[in-house]
Every structure is written in C-alpha cells, then in structure tokens.
Amino acid sequence: ITLGNGGSAMTALHFITDWNKAVYLATGK
C-alpha cells in the first residue's frame, strides 16, 4: 500500500502502476 501528498502522491501512484502491471507480466505472479 503506497501513499503520499503532492508529487509524492504521484510517485505513490506511479509505483503501483509499474509494479502491478510489470511484475505480473514478467512473472505471472
């Protein structure tokens, strides 16, 4: 679970976007 304010909010969102999509596509998990 990620969280932050302002620019850090966008970083928190970016983390989950990258991690959810890329990790699943690369590993199937």
mmCIF file of all heavy atoms, coordinates in Angstrom:
data_MODEL
# 
_entry.id   MODEL 
# 
loop_
_atom_site.group_PDB 
_atom_site.id 
_atom_site.type_symbol 
_atom_site.label_atom_id 
_atom_site.label_alt_id 
_atom_site.label_comp_id 
_atom_site.label_asym_id 
_atom_site.label_entity_id 
_atom_site.label_seq_id 
_atom_site.pdbx_PDB_ins_code 
_atom_site.Cartn_x 
_atom_site.Cartn_y 
_atom_site.Cartn_z 
_atom_site.occupancy 
_atom_site.B_iso_or_equiv 
_atom_site.pdbx_formal_charge 
_atom_site.auth_seq_id 
_atom_site.auth_comp_id 
_atom_site.auth_asym_id 
_atom_site.auth_atom_id 
_atom_site.pdbx_PDB_model_num 
ATOM 1   N N   . ILE A 1 1  ? 0.855  -1.186  0.000   1.00 0.00 ? 1  ILE A N   1 
ATOM 2   C CA  . ILE A 1 1  ? 0.000  0.000   0.000   1.00 0.00 ? 1  ILE A CA  1 
ATOM 3   C C   . ILE A 1 1  ? 0.892  1.236   0.000   1.00 0.00 ? 1  ILE A C   1 
ATOM 4   O O   . ILE A 1 1  ? 1.755  1.370   0.867   1.00 0.00 ? 1  ILE A O   1 
ATOM 5   C CB  . ILE A 1 1  ? -0.913 -0.001  1.249   1.00 0.00 ? 1  ILE A CB  1 
ATOM 6   C CG1 . ILE A 1 1  ? -1.785 -1.255  1.272   1.00 0.00 ? 1  ILE A CG1 1 
ATOM 7   C CG2 . ILE A 1 1  ? -1.757 1.270   1.295   1.00 0.00 ? 1  ILE A CG2 1 
ATOM 8   C CD1 . ILE A 1 1  ? -2.512 -1.472  2.599   1.00 0.00 ? 1  ILE A CD1 1 
ATOM 9   N N   . THR A 1 2  ? 0.680  2.126   -0.970  1.00 0.00 ? 2  THR A N   1 
ATOM 10  C CA  . THR A 1 2  ? 1.501  3.334   -1.055  1.00 0.00 ? 2  THR A CA  1 
ATOM 11  C C   . THR A 1 2  ? 0.668  4.579   -0.789  1.00 0.00 ? 2  THR A C   1 
ATOM 12  O O   . THR A 1 2  ? -0.540 4.608   -1.031  1.00 0.00 ? 2  THR A O   1 
ATOM 13  C CB  . THR A 1 2  ? 2.171  3.454   -2.438  1.00 0.00 ? 2  THR A CB  1 
ATOM 14  O OG1 . THR A 1 2  ? 1.170  3.638   -3.443  1.00 0.00 ? 2  THR A OG1 1 
ATOM 15  C CG2 . THR A 1 2  ? 3.018  2.226   -2.766  1.00 0.00 ? 2  THR A CG2 1 
ATOM 16  N N   . LEU A 1 3  ? 1.351  5.637   -0.326  1.00 0.00 ? 3  LEU A N   1 
ATOM 17  C CA  . LEU A 1 3  ? 0.666  6.905   -0.070  1.00 0.00 ? 3  LEU A CA  1 
ATOM 18  C C   . LEU A 1 3  ? 1.669  8.050   -0.016  1.00 0.00 ? 3  LEU A C   1 
ATOM 19  O O   . LEU A 1 3  ? 2.858  7.842   0.200   1.00 0.00 ? 3  LEU A O   1 
ATOM 20  C CB  . LEU A 1 3  ? -0.112 6.829   1.249   1.00 0.00 ? 3  LEU A CB  1 
ATOM 21  C CG  . LEU A 1 3  ? 0.720  6.521   2.489   1.00 0.00 ? 3  LEU A CG  1 
ATOM 22  C CD1 . LEU A 1 3  ? 0.932  7.758   3.323   1.00 0.00 ? 3  LEU A CD1 1 
ATOM 23  C CD2 . LEU A 1 3  ? 0.045  5.438   3.304   1.00 0.00 ? 3  LEU A CD2 1 
ATOM 24  N N   . GLY A 1 4  ? 1.172  9.249   -0.240  1.00 0.00 ? 4  GLY A N   1 
ATOM 25  C CA  . GLY A 1 4  ? 1.972  10.467  -0.172  1.00 0.00 ? 4  GLY A CA  1 
ATOM 26  C C   . GLY A 1 4  ? 1.133  11.646  -0.626  1.00 0.00 ? 4  GLY A C   1 
ATOM 27  O O   . GLY A 1 4  ? 0.002  11.477  -1.080  1.00 0.00 ? 4  GLY A O   1 
ATOM 28  N N   . ASN A 1 5  ? 1.675  12.838  -0.507  1.00 0.00 ? 5  ASN A N   1 
ATOM 29  C CA  . ASN A 1 5  ? 0.992  14.077  -0.896  1.00 0.00 ? 5  ASN A CA  1 
ATOM 30  C C   . ASN A 1 5  ? 1.700  14.735  -2.080  1.00 0.00 ? 5  ASN A C   1 
ATOM 31  O O   . ASN A 1 5  ? 2.914  14.611  -2.221  1.00 0.00 ? 5  ASN A O   1 
ATOM 32  C CB  . ASN A 1 5  ? 1.010  15.075  0.270   1.00 0.00 ? 5  ASN A CB  1 
ATOM 33  C CG  . ASN A 1 5  ? 0.236  14.581  1.465   1.00 0.00 ? 5  ASN A CG  1 
ATOM 34  O OD1 . ASN A 1 5  ? -0.973 14.453  1.407   1.00 0.00 ? 5  ASN A OD1 1 
ATOM 35  N ND2 . ASN A 1 5  ? 0.935  14.294  2.549   1.00 0.00 ? 5  ASN A ND2 1 
ATOM 36  N N   . GLY A 1 6  ? 0.953  15.465  -2.881  1.00 0.00 ? 6  GLY A N   1 
ATOM 37  C CA  . GLY A 1 6  ? 1.552  16.249  -3.957  1.00 0.00 ? 6  GLY A CA  1 
ATOM 38  C C   . GLY A 1 6  ? 2.357  15.397  -4.917  1.00 0.00 ? 6  GLY A C   1 
ATOM 39  O O   . GLY A 1 6  ? 1.871  14.390  -5.440  1.00 0.00 ? 6  GLY A O   1 
ATOM 40  N N   . GLY A 1 7  ? 3.610  15.776  -5.153  1.00 0.00 ? 7  GLY A N   1 
ATOM 41  C CA  . GLY A 1 7  ? 4.489  14.990  -6.016  1.00 0.00 ? 7  GLY A CA  1 
ATOM 42  C C   . GLY A 1 7  ? 4.666  13.580  -5.496  1.00 0.00 ? 7  GLY A C   1 
ATOM 43  O O   . GLY A 1 7  ? 4.760  12.619  -6.267  1.00 0.00 ? 7  GLY A O   1 
ATOM 44  N N   . SER A 1 8  ? 4.695  13.428  -4.185  1.00 0.00 ? 8  SER A N   1 
ATOM 45  C CA  . SER A 1 8  ? 4.825  12.095  -3.587  1.00 0.00 ? 8  SER A CA  1 
ATOM 46  C C   . SER A 1 8  ? 3.574  11.253  -3.817  1.00 0.00 ? 8  SER A C   1 
ATOM 47  O O   . SER A 1 8  ? 3.656  10.027  -3.887  1.00 0.00 ? 8  SER A O   1 
ATOM 48  C CB  . SER A 1 8  ? 5.123  12.208  -2.089  1.00 0.00 ? 8  SER A CB  1 
ATOM 49  O OG  . SER A 1 8  ? 6.374  12.826  -1.884  1.00 0.00 ? 8  SER A OG  1 
ATOM 50  N N   . ALA A 1 9  ? 2.412  11.892  -3.937  1.00 0.00 ? 9  ALA A N   1 
ATOM 51  C CA  . ALA A 1 9  ? 1.194  11.157  -4.289  1.00 0.00 ? 9  ALA A CA  1 
ATOM 52  C C   . ALA A 1 9  ? 1.332  10.577  -5.687  1.00 0.00 ? 9  ALA A C   1 
ATOM 53  O O   . ALA A 1 9  ? 0.954  9.418   -5.935  1.00 0.00 ? 9  ALA A O   1 
ATOM 54  C CB  . ALA A 1 9  ? -0.031 12.072  -4.205  1.00 0.00 ? 9  ALA A CB  1 
ATOM 55  N N   . MET A 1 10 ? 1.893  11.365  -6.586  1.00 0.00 ? 10 MET A N   1 
ATOM 56  C CA  . MET A 1 10 ? 2.071  10.870  -7.947  1.00 0.00 ? 10 MET A CA  1 
ATOM 57  C C   . MET A 1 10 ? 3.112  9.753   -7.990  1.00 0.00 ? 10 MET A C   1 
ATOM 58  O O   . MET A 1 10 ? 2.987  8.807   -8.762  1.00 0.00 ? 10 MET A O   1 
ATOM 59  C CB  . MET A 1 10 ? 2.460  12.023  -8.880  1.00 0.00 ? 10 MET A CB  1 
ATOM 60  C CG  . MET A 1 10 ? 1.412  13.141  -8.927  1.00 0.00 ? 10 MET A CG  1 
ATOM 61  S SD  . MET A 1 10 ? -0.306 12.560  -9.098  1.00 0.00 ? 10 MET A SD  1 
ATOM 62  C CE  . MET A 1 10 ? -0.259 11.795  -10.689 1.00 0.00 ? 10 MET A CE  1 
ATOM 63  N N   . THR A 1 11 ? 4.122  9.851   -7.149  1.00 0.00 ? 11 THR A N   1 
ATOM 64  C CA  . THR A 1 11 ? 5.111  8.774   -7.053  1.00 0.00 ? 11 THR A CA  1 
ATOM 65  C C   . THR A 1 11 ? 4.462  7.519   -6.506  1.00 0.00 ? 11 THR A C   1 
ATOM 66  O O   . THR A 1 11 ? 4.701  6.405   -7.005  1.00 0.00 ? 11 THR A O   1 
ATOM 67  C CB  . THR A 1 11 ? 6.298  9.215   -6.175  1.00 0.00 ? 11 THR A CB  1 
ATOM 68  O OG1 . THR A 1 11 ? 6.906  10.373  -6.761  1.00 0.00 ? 11 THR A OG1 1 
ATOM 69  C CG2 . THR A 1 11 ? 7.334  8.122   -6.036  1.00 0.00 ? 11 THR A CG2 1 
ATOM 70  N N   . ALA A 1 12 ? 3.625  7.653   -5.479  1.00 0.00 ? 12 ALA A N   1 
ATOM 71  C CA  . ALA A 1 12 ? 2.911  6.505   -4.909  1.00 0.00 ? 12 ALA A CA  1 
ATOM 72  C C   . ALA A 1 12 ? 2.048  5.826   -5.965  1.00 0.00 ? 12 ALA A C   1 
ATOM 73  O O   . ALA A 1 12 ? 1.996  4.592   -6.047  1.00 0.00 ? 12 ALA A O   1 
ATOM 74  C CB  . ALA A 1 12 ? 2.059  6.964   -3.721  1.00 0.00 ? 12 ALA A CB  1 
ATOM 75  N N   . LEU A 1 13 ? 1.371  6.614   -6.774  1.00 0.00 ? 13 LEU A N   1 
ATOM 76  C CA  . LEU A 1 13 ? 0.544  6.093   -7.856  1.00 0.00 ? 13 LEU A CA  1 
ATOM 77  C C   . LEU A 1 13 ? 1.405  5.427   -8.926  1.00 0.00 ? 13 LEU A C   1 
ATOM 78  O O   . LEU A 1 13 ? 1.080  4.338   -9.417  1.00 0.00 ? 13 LEU A O   1 
ATOM 79  C CB  . LEU A 1 13 ? -0.290 7.228   -8.446  1.00 0.00 ? 13 LEU A CB  1 
ATOM 80  C CG  . LEU A 1 13 ? -1.280 6.886   -9.541  1.00 0.00 ? 13 LEU A CG  1 
ATOM 81  C CD1 . LEU A 1 13 ? -2.313 5.890   -9.043  1.00 0.00 ? 13 LEU A CD1 1 
ATOM 82  C CD2 . LEU A 1 13 ? -1.960 8.156   -10.027 1.00 0.00 ? 13 LEU A CD2 1 
ATOM 83  N N   . HIS A 1 14 ? 2.511  6.061   -9.275  1.00 0.00 ? 14 HIS A N   1 
ATOM 84  C CA  . HIS A 1 14 ? 3.440  5.523   -10.278 1.00 0.00 ? 14 HIS A CA  1 
ATOM 85  C C   . HIS A 1 14 ? 3.976  4.162   -9.831  1.00 0.00 ? 14 HIS A C   1 
ATOM 86  O O   . HIS A 1 14 ? 4.047  3.223   -10.632 1.00 0.00 ? 14 HIS A O   1 
ATOM 87  C CB  . HIS A 1 14 ? 4.576  6.520   -10.480 1.00 0.00 ? 14 HIS A CB  1 
ATOM 88  C CG  . HIS A 1 14 ? 5.496  6.207   -11.608 1.00 0.00 ? 14 HIS A CG  1 
ATOM 89  N ND1 . HIS A 1 14 ? 6.328  7.156   -12.147 1.00 0.00 ? 14 HIS A ND1 1 
ATOM 90  C CD2 . HIS A 1 14 ? 5.754  5.073   -12.297 1.00 0.00 ? 14 HIS A CD2 1 
ATOM 91  C CE1 . HIS A 1 14 ? 7.055  6.614   -13.109 1.00 0.00 ? 14 HIS A CE1 1 
ATOM 92  N NE2 . HIS A 1 14 ? 6.715  5.344   -13.217 1.00 0.00 ? 14 HIS A NE2 1 
ATOM 93  N N   . PHE A 1 15 ? 4.353  4.047   -8.549  1.00 0.00 ? 15 PHE A N   1 
ATOM 94  C CA  . PHE A 1 15 ? 4.841  2.766   -8.043  1.00 0.00 ? 15 PHE A CA  1 
ATOM 95  C C   . PHE A 1 15 ? 3.838  1.658   -8.329  1.00 0.00 ? 15 PHE A C   1 
ATOM 96  O O   . PHE A 1 15 ? 4.187  0.610   -8.877  1.00 0.00 ? 15 PHE A O   1 
ATOM 97  C CB  . PHE A 1 15 ? 5.048  2.824   -6.524  1.00 0.00 ? 15 PHE A CB  1 
ATOM 98  C CG  . PHE A 1 15 ? 6.274  3.547   -6.039  1.00 0.00 ? 15 PHE A CG  1 
ATOM 99  C CD1 . PHE A 1 15 ? 7.162  4.168   -6.905  1.00 0.00 ? 15 PHE A CD1 1 
ATOM 100 C CD2 . PHE A 1 15 ? 6.524  3.615   -4.686  1.00 0.00 ? 15 PHE A CD2 1 
ATOM 101 C CE1 . PHE A 1 15 ? 8.281  4.833   -6.421  1.00 0.00 ? 15 PHE A CE1 1 
ATOM 102 C CE2 . PHE A 1 15 ? 7.645  4.263   -4.185  1.00 0.00 ? 15 PHE A CE2 1 
ATOM 103 C CZ  . PHE A 1 15 ? 8.525  4.873   -5.051  1.00 0.00 ? 15 PHE A CZ  1 
ATOM 104 N N   . ILE A 1 16 ? 2.598  1.872   -7.943  1.00 0.00 ? 16 ILE A N   1 
ATOM 105 C CA  . ILE A 1 16 ? 1.593  0.816   -8.067  1.00 0.00 ? 16 ILE A CA  1 
ATOM 106 C C   . ILE A 1 16 ? 1.283  0.515   -9.529  1.00 0.00 ? 16 ILE A C   1 
ATOM 107 O O   . ILE A 1 16 ? 1.098  -0.648  -9.904  1.00 0.00 ? 16 ILE A O   1 
ATOM 108 C CB  . ILE A 1 16 ? 0.328  1.174   -7.262  1.00 0.00 ? 16 ILE A CB  1 
ATOM 109 C CG1 . ILE A 1 16 ? 0.653  1.246   -5.763  1.00 0.00 ? 16 ILE A CG1 1 
ATOM 110 C CG2 . ILE A 1 16 ? -0.795 0.172   -7.521  1.00 0.00 ? 16 ILE A CG2 1 
ATOM 111 C CD1 . ILE A 1 16 ? 1.332  -0.005  -5.180  1.00 0.00 ? 16 ILE A CD1 1 
ATOM 112 N N   . THR A 1 17 ? 1.262  1.539   -10.356 1.00 0.00 ? 17 THR A N   1 
ATOM 113 C CA  . THR A 1 17 ? 1.057  1.320   -11.792 1.00 0.00 ? 17 THR A CA  1 
ATOM 114 C C   . THR A 1 17 ? 2.139  0.412   -12.352 1.00 0.00 ? 17 THR A C   1 
ATOM 115 O O   . THR A 1 17 ? 1.857  -0.599  -12.999 1.00 0.00 ? 17 THR A O   1 
ATOM 116 C CB  . THR A 1 17 ? 1.036  2.660   -12.542 1.00 0.00 ? 17 THR A CB  1 
ATOM 117 O OG1 . THR A 1 17 ? -0.011 3.477   -12.029 1.00 0.00 ? 17 THR A OG1 1 
ATOM 118 C CG2 . THR A 1 17 ? 0.851  2.455   -14.042 1.00 0.00 ? 17 THR A CG2 1 
ATOM 119 N N   . ASP A 1 18 ? 3.396  0.767   -12.103 1.00 0.00 ? 18 ASP A N   1 
ATOM 120 C CA  . ASP A 1 18 ? 4.515  -0.028  -12.623 1.00 0.00 ? 18 ASP A CA  1 
ATOM 121 C C   . ASP A 1 18 ? 4.553  -1.410  -12.005 1.00 0.00 ? 18 ASP A C   1 
ATOM 122 O O   . ASP A 1 18 ? 4.703  -2.412  -12.702 1.00 0.00 ? 18 ASP A O   1 
ATOM 123 C CB  . ASP A 1 18 ? 5.846  0.670   -12.324 1.00 0.00 ? 18 ASP A CB  1 
ATOM 124 C CG  . ASP A 1 18 ? 6.182  1.791   -13.287 1.00 0.00 ? 18 ASP A CG  1 
ATOM 125 O OD1 . ASP A 1 18 ? 5.414  2.025   -14.241 1.00 0.00 ? 18 ASP A OD1 1 
ATOM 126 O OD2 . ASP A 1 18 ? 7.215  2.454   -13.080 1.00 0.00 ? 18 ASP A OD2 1 
ATOM 127 N N   . TRP A 1 19 ? 4.450  -1.466  -10.681 1.00 0.00 ? 19 TRP A N   1 
ATOM 128 C CA  . TRP A 1 19 ? 4.623  -2.753  -10.001 1.00 0.00 ? 19 TRP A CA  1 
ATOM 129 C C   . TRP A 1 19 ? 3.506  -3.725  -10.335 1.00 0.00 ? 19 TRP A C   1 
ATOM 130 O O   . TRP A 1 19 ? 3.766  -4.895  -10.619 1.00 0.00 ? 19 TRP A O   1 
ATOM 131 C CB  . TRP A 1 19 ? 4.723  -2.555  -8.497  1.00 0.00 ? 19 TRP A CB  1 
ATOM 132 C CG  . TRP A 1 19 ? 5.881  -1.711  -8.045  1.00 0.00 ? 19 TRP A CG  1 
ATOM 133 C CD1 . TRP A 1 19 ? 6.951  -1.284  -8.794  1.00 0.00 ? 19 TRP A CD1 1 
ATOM 134 C CD2 . TRP A 1 19 ? 6.089  -1.174  -6.739  1.00 0.00 ? 19 TRP A CD2 1 
ATOM 135 N NE1 . TRP A 1 19 ? 7.794  -0.522  -8.029  1.00 0.00 ? 19 TRP A NE1 1 
ATOM 136 C CE2 . TRP A 1 19 ? 7.295  -0.429  -6.763  1.00 0.00 ? 19 TRP A CE2 1 
ATOM 137 C CE3 . TRP A 1 19 ? 5.361  -1.235  -5.555  1.00 0.00 ? 19 TRP A CE3 1 
ATOM 138 C CZ2 . TRP A 1 19 ? 7.800  0.223   -5.643  1.00 0.00 ? 19 TRP A CZ2 1 
ATOM 139 C CZ3 . TRP A 1 19 ? 5.861  -0.580  -4.435  1.00 0.00 ? 19 TRP A CZ3 1 
ATOM 140 C CH2 . TRP A 1 19 ? 7.070  0.128   -4.482  1.00 0.00 ? 19 TRP A CH2 1 
ATOM 141 N N   . ASN A 1 20 ? 2.260  -3.286  -10.305 1.00 0.00 ? 20 ASN A N   1 
ATOM 142 C CA  . ASN A 1 20 ? 1.151  -4.209  -10.594 1.00 0.00 ? 20 ASN A CA  1 
ATOM 143 C C   . ASN A 1 20 ? 1.241  -4.753  -12.012 1.00 0.00 ? 20 ASN A C   1 
ATOM 144 O O   . ASN A 1 20 ? 1.104  -5.955  -12.231 1.00 0.00 ? 20 ASN A O   1 
ATOM 145 C CB  . ASN A 1 20 ? -0.194 -3.524  -10.388 1.00 0.00 ? 20 ASN A CB  1 
ATOM 146 C CG  . ASN A 1 20 ? -0.619 -3.462  -8.942  1.00 0.00 ? 20 ASN A CG  1 
ATOM 147 O OD1 . ASN A 1 20 ? 0.047  -3.959  -8.044  1.00 0.00 ? 20 ASN A OD1 1 
ATOM 148 N ND2 . ASN A 1 20 ? -1.749 -2.825  -8.699  1.00 0.00 ? 20 ASN A ND2 1 
ATOM 149 N N   . LYS A 1 21 ? 1.447  -3.885  -12.976 1.00 0.00 ? 21 LYS A N   1 
ATOM 150 C CA  . LYS A 1 21 ? 1.452  -4.310  -14.379 1.00 0.00 ? 21 LYS A CA  1 
ATOM 151 C C   . LYS A 1 21 ? 2.719  -5.077  -14.736 1.00 0.00 ? 21 LYS A C   1 
ATOM 152 O O   . LYS A 1 21 ? 2.661  -6.210  -15.205 1.00 0.00 ? 21 LYS A O   1 
ATOM 153 C CB  . LYS A 1 21 ? 1.307  -3.097  -15.295 1.00 0.00 ? 21 LYS A CB  1 
ATOM 154 C CG  . LYS A 1 21 ? 1.413  -3.439  -16.776 1.00 0.00 ? 21 LYS A CG  1 
ATOM 155 C CD  . LYS A 1 21 ? 1.316  -2.178  -17.622 1.00 0.00 ? 21 LYS A CD  1 
ATOM 156 C CE  . LYS A 1 21 ? 1.795  -2.404  -19.016 1.00 0.00 ? 21 LYS A CE  1 
ATOM 157 N NZ  . LYS A 1 21 ? 3.229  -2.147  -19.185 1.00 0.00 ? 21 LYS A NZ  1 
ATOM 158 N N   . ALA A 1 22 ? 3.866  -4.476  -14.516 1.00 0.00 ? 22 ALA A N   1 
ATOM 159 C CA  . ALA A 1 22 ? 5.123  -5.052  -14.992 1.00 0.00 ? 22 ALA A CA  1 
ATOM 160 C C   . ALA A 1 22 ? 5.473  -6.350  -14.276 1.00 0.00 ? 22 ALA A C   1 
ATOM 161 O O   . ALA A 1 22 ? 5.934  -7.308  -14.900 1.00 0.00 ? 22 ALA A O   1 
ATOM 162 C CB  . ALA A 1 22 ? 6.257  -4.039  -14.846 1.00 0.00 ? 22 ALA A CB  1 
ATOM 163 N N   . VAL A 1 23 ? 5.266  -6.393  -12.973 1.00 0.00 ? 23 VAL A N   1 
ATOM 164 C CA  . VAL A 1 23 ? 5.633  -7.593  -12.220 1.00 0.00 ? 23 VAL A CA  1 
ATOM 165 C C   . VAL A 1 23 ? 4.769  -8.775  -12.658 1.00 0.00 ? 23 VAL A C   1 
ATOM 166 O O   . VAL A 1 23 ? 5.273  -9.878  -12.877 1.00 0.00 ? 23 VAL A O   1 
ATOM 167 C CB  . VAL A 1 23 ? 5.547  -7.338  -10.700 1.00 0.00 ? 23 VAL A CB  1 
ATOM 168 C CG1 . VAL A 1 23 ? 5.743  -8.627  -9.909  1.00 0.00 ? 23 VAL A CG1 1 
ATOM 169 C CG2 . VAL A 1 23 ? 6.585  -6.297  -10.276 1.00 0.00 ? 23 VAL A CG2 1 
ATOM 170 N N   . TYR A 1 24 ? 3.474  -8.536  -12.814 1.00 0.00 ? 24 TYR A N   1 
ATOM 171 C CA  . TYR A 1 24 ? 2.601  -9.623  -13.254 1.00 0.00 ? 24 TYR A CA  1 
ATOM 172 C C   . TYR A 1 24 ? 2.961  -10.089 -14.670 1.00 0.00 ? 24 TYR A C   1 
ATOM 173 O O   . TYR A 1 24 ? 3.052  -11.295 -14.935 1.00 0.00 ? 24 TYR A O   1 
ATOM 174 C CB  . TYR A 1 24 ? 1.133  -9.208  -13.192 1.00 0.00 ? 24 TYR A CB  1 
ATOM 175 C CG  . TYR A 1 24 ? 0.220  -10.300 -13.674 1.00 0.00 ? 24 TYR A CG  1 
ATOM 176 C CD1 . TYR A 1 24 ? -0.003 -11.432 -12.896 1.00 0.00 ? 24 TYR A CD1 1 
ATOM 177 C CD2 . TYR A 1 24 ? -0.394 -10.227 -14.918 1.00 0.00 ? 24 TYR A CD2 1 
ATOM 178 C CE1 . TYR A 1 24 ? -0.814 -12.455 -13.343 1.00 0.00 ? 24 TYR A CE1 1 
ATOM 179 C CE2 . TYR A 1 24 ? -1.202 -11.249 -15.373 1.00 0.00 ? 24 TYR A CE2 1 
ATOM 180 C CZ  . TYR A 1 24 ? -1.410 -12.358 -14.588 1.00 0.00 ? 24 TYR A CZ  1 
ATOM 181 O OH  . TYR A 1 24 ? -2.201 -13.378 -15.039 1.00 0.00 ? 24 TYR A OH  1 
ATOM 182 N N   . LEU A 1 25 ? 3.178  -9.142  -15.581 1.00 0.00 ? 25 LEU A N   1 
ATOM 183 C CA  . LEU A 1 25 ? 3.509  -9.525  -16.959 1.00 0.00 ? 25 LEU A CA  1 
ATOM 184 C C   . LEU A 1 25 ? 4.831  -10.283 -17.037 1.00 0.00 ? 25 LEU A C   1 
ATOM 185 O O   . LEU A 1 25 ? 4.982  -11.203 -17.838 1.00 0.00 ? 25 LEU A O   1 
ATOM 186 C CB  . LEU A 1 25 ? 3.556  -8.289  -17.862 1.00 0.00 ? 25 LEU A CB  1 
ATOM 187 C CG  . LEU A 1 25 ? 2.206  -7.641  -18.170 1.00 0.00 ? 25 LEU A CG  1 
ATOM 188 C CD1 . LEU A 1 25 ? 2.396  -6.381  -19.006 1.00 0.00 ? 25 LEU A CD1 1 
ATOM 189 C CD2 . LEU A 1 25 ? 1.267  -8.622  -18.879 1.00 0.00 ? 25 LEU A CD2 1 
ATOM 190 N N   . ALA A 1 26 ? 5.791  -9.904  -16.194 1.00 0.00 ? 26 ALA A N   1 
ATOM 191 C CA  . ALA A 1 26 ? 7.110  -10.541 -16.243 1.00 0.00 ? 26 ALA A CA  1 
ATOM 192 C C   . ALA A 1 26 ? 7.140  -11.897 -15.551 1.00 0.00 ? 26 ALA A C   1 
ATOM 193 O O   . ALA A 1 26 ? 7.911  -12.775 -15.943 1.00 0.00 ? 26 ALA A O   1 
ATOM 194 C CB  . ALA A 1 26 ? 8.158  -9.626  -15.610 1.00 0.00 ? 26 ALA A CB  1 
ATOM 195 N N   . THR A 1 27 ? 6.304  -12.066 -14.517 1.00 0.00 ? 27 THR A N   1 
ATOM 196 C CA  . THR A 1 27 ? 6.431  -13.275 -13.698 1.00 0.00 ? 27 THR A CA  1 
ATOM 197 C C   . THR A 1 27 ? 5.186  -14.150 -13.666 1.00 0.00 ? 27 THR A C   1 
ATOM 198 O O   . THR A 1 27 ? 5.268  -15.307 -13.270 1.00 0.00 ? 27 THR A O   1 
ATOM 199 C CB  . THR A 1 27 ? 6.756  -12.890 -12.237 1.00 0.00 ? 27 THR A CB  1 
ATOM 200 O OG1 . THR A 1 27 ? 5.610  -12.250 -11.656 1.00 0.00 ? 27 THR A OG1 1 
ATOM 201 C CG2 . THR A 1 27 ? 7.981  -11.996 -12.152 1.00 0.00 ? 27 THR A CG2 1 
ATOM 202 N N   . GLY A 1 28 ? 4.036  -13.580 -14.011 1.00 0.00 ? 28 GLY A N   1 
ATOM 203 C CA  . GLY A 1 28 ? 2.774  -14.305 -13.891 1.00 0.00 ? 28 GLY A CA  1 
ATOM 204 C C   . GLY A 1 28 ? 2.225  -14.330 -12.475 1.00 0.00 ? 28 GLY A C   1 
ATOM 205 O O   . GLY A 1 28 ? 1.157  -14.880 -12.236 1.00 0.00 ? 28 GLY A O   1 
ATOM 206 N N   . LYS A 1 29 ? 2.951  -13.727 -11.535 1.00 0.00 ? 29 LYS A N   1 
ATOM 207 C CA  . LYS A 1 29 ? 2.508  -13.674 -10.135 1.00 0.00 ? 29 LYS A CA  1 
ATOM 208 C C   . LYS A 1 29 ? 2.047  -12.250 -9.839  1.00 0.00 ? 29 LYS A C   1 
ATOM 209 O O   . LYS A 1 29 ? 2.830  -11.309 -9.923  1.00 0.00 ? 29 LYS A O   1 
ATOM 210 C CB  . LYS A 1 29 ? 3.645  -14.069 -9.200  1.00 0.00 ? 29 LYS A CB  1 
ATOM 211 C CG  . LYS A 1 29 ? 3.261  -14.018 -7.710  1.00 0.00 ? 29 LYS A CG  1 
ATOM 212 C CD  . LYS A 1 29 ? 4.383  -14.537 -6.838  1.00 0.00 ? 29 LYS A CD  1 
ATOM 213 C CE  . LYS A 1 29 ? 4.084  -14.413 -5.360  1.00 0.00 ? 29 LYS A CE  1 
ATOM 214 N NZ  . LYS A 1 29 ? 2.877  -15.070 -4.906  1.00 0.00 ? 29 LYS A NZ  1 
# 
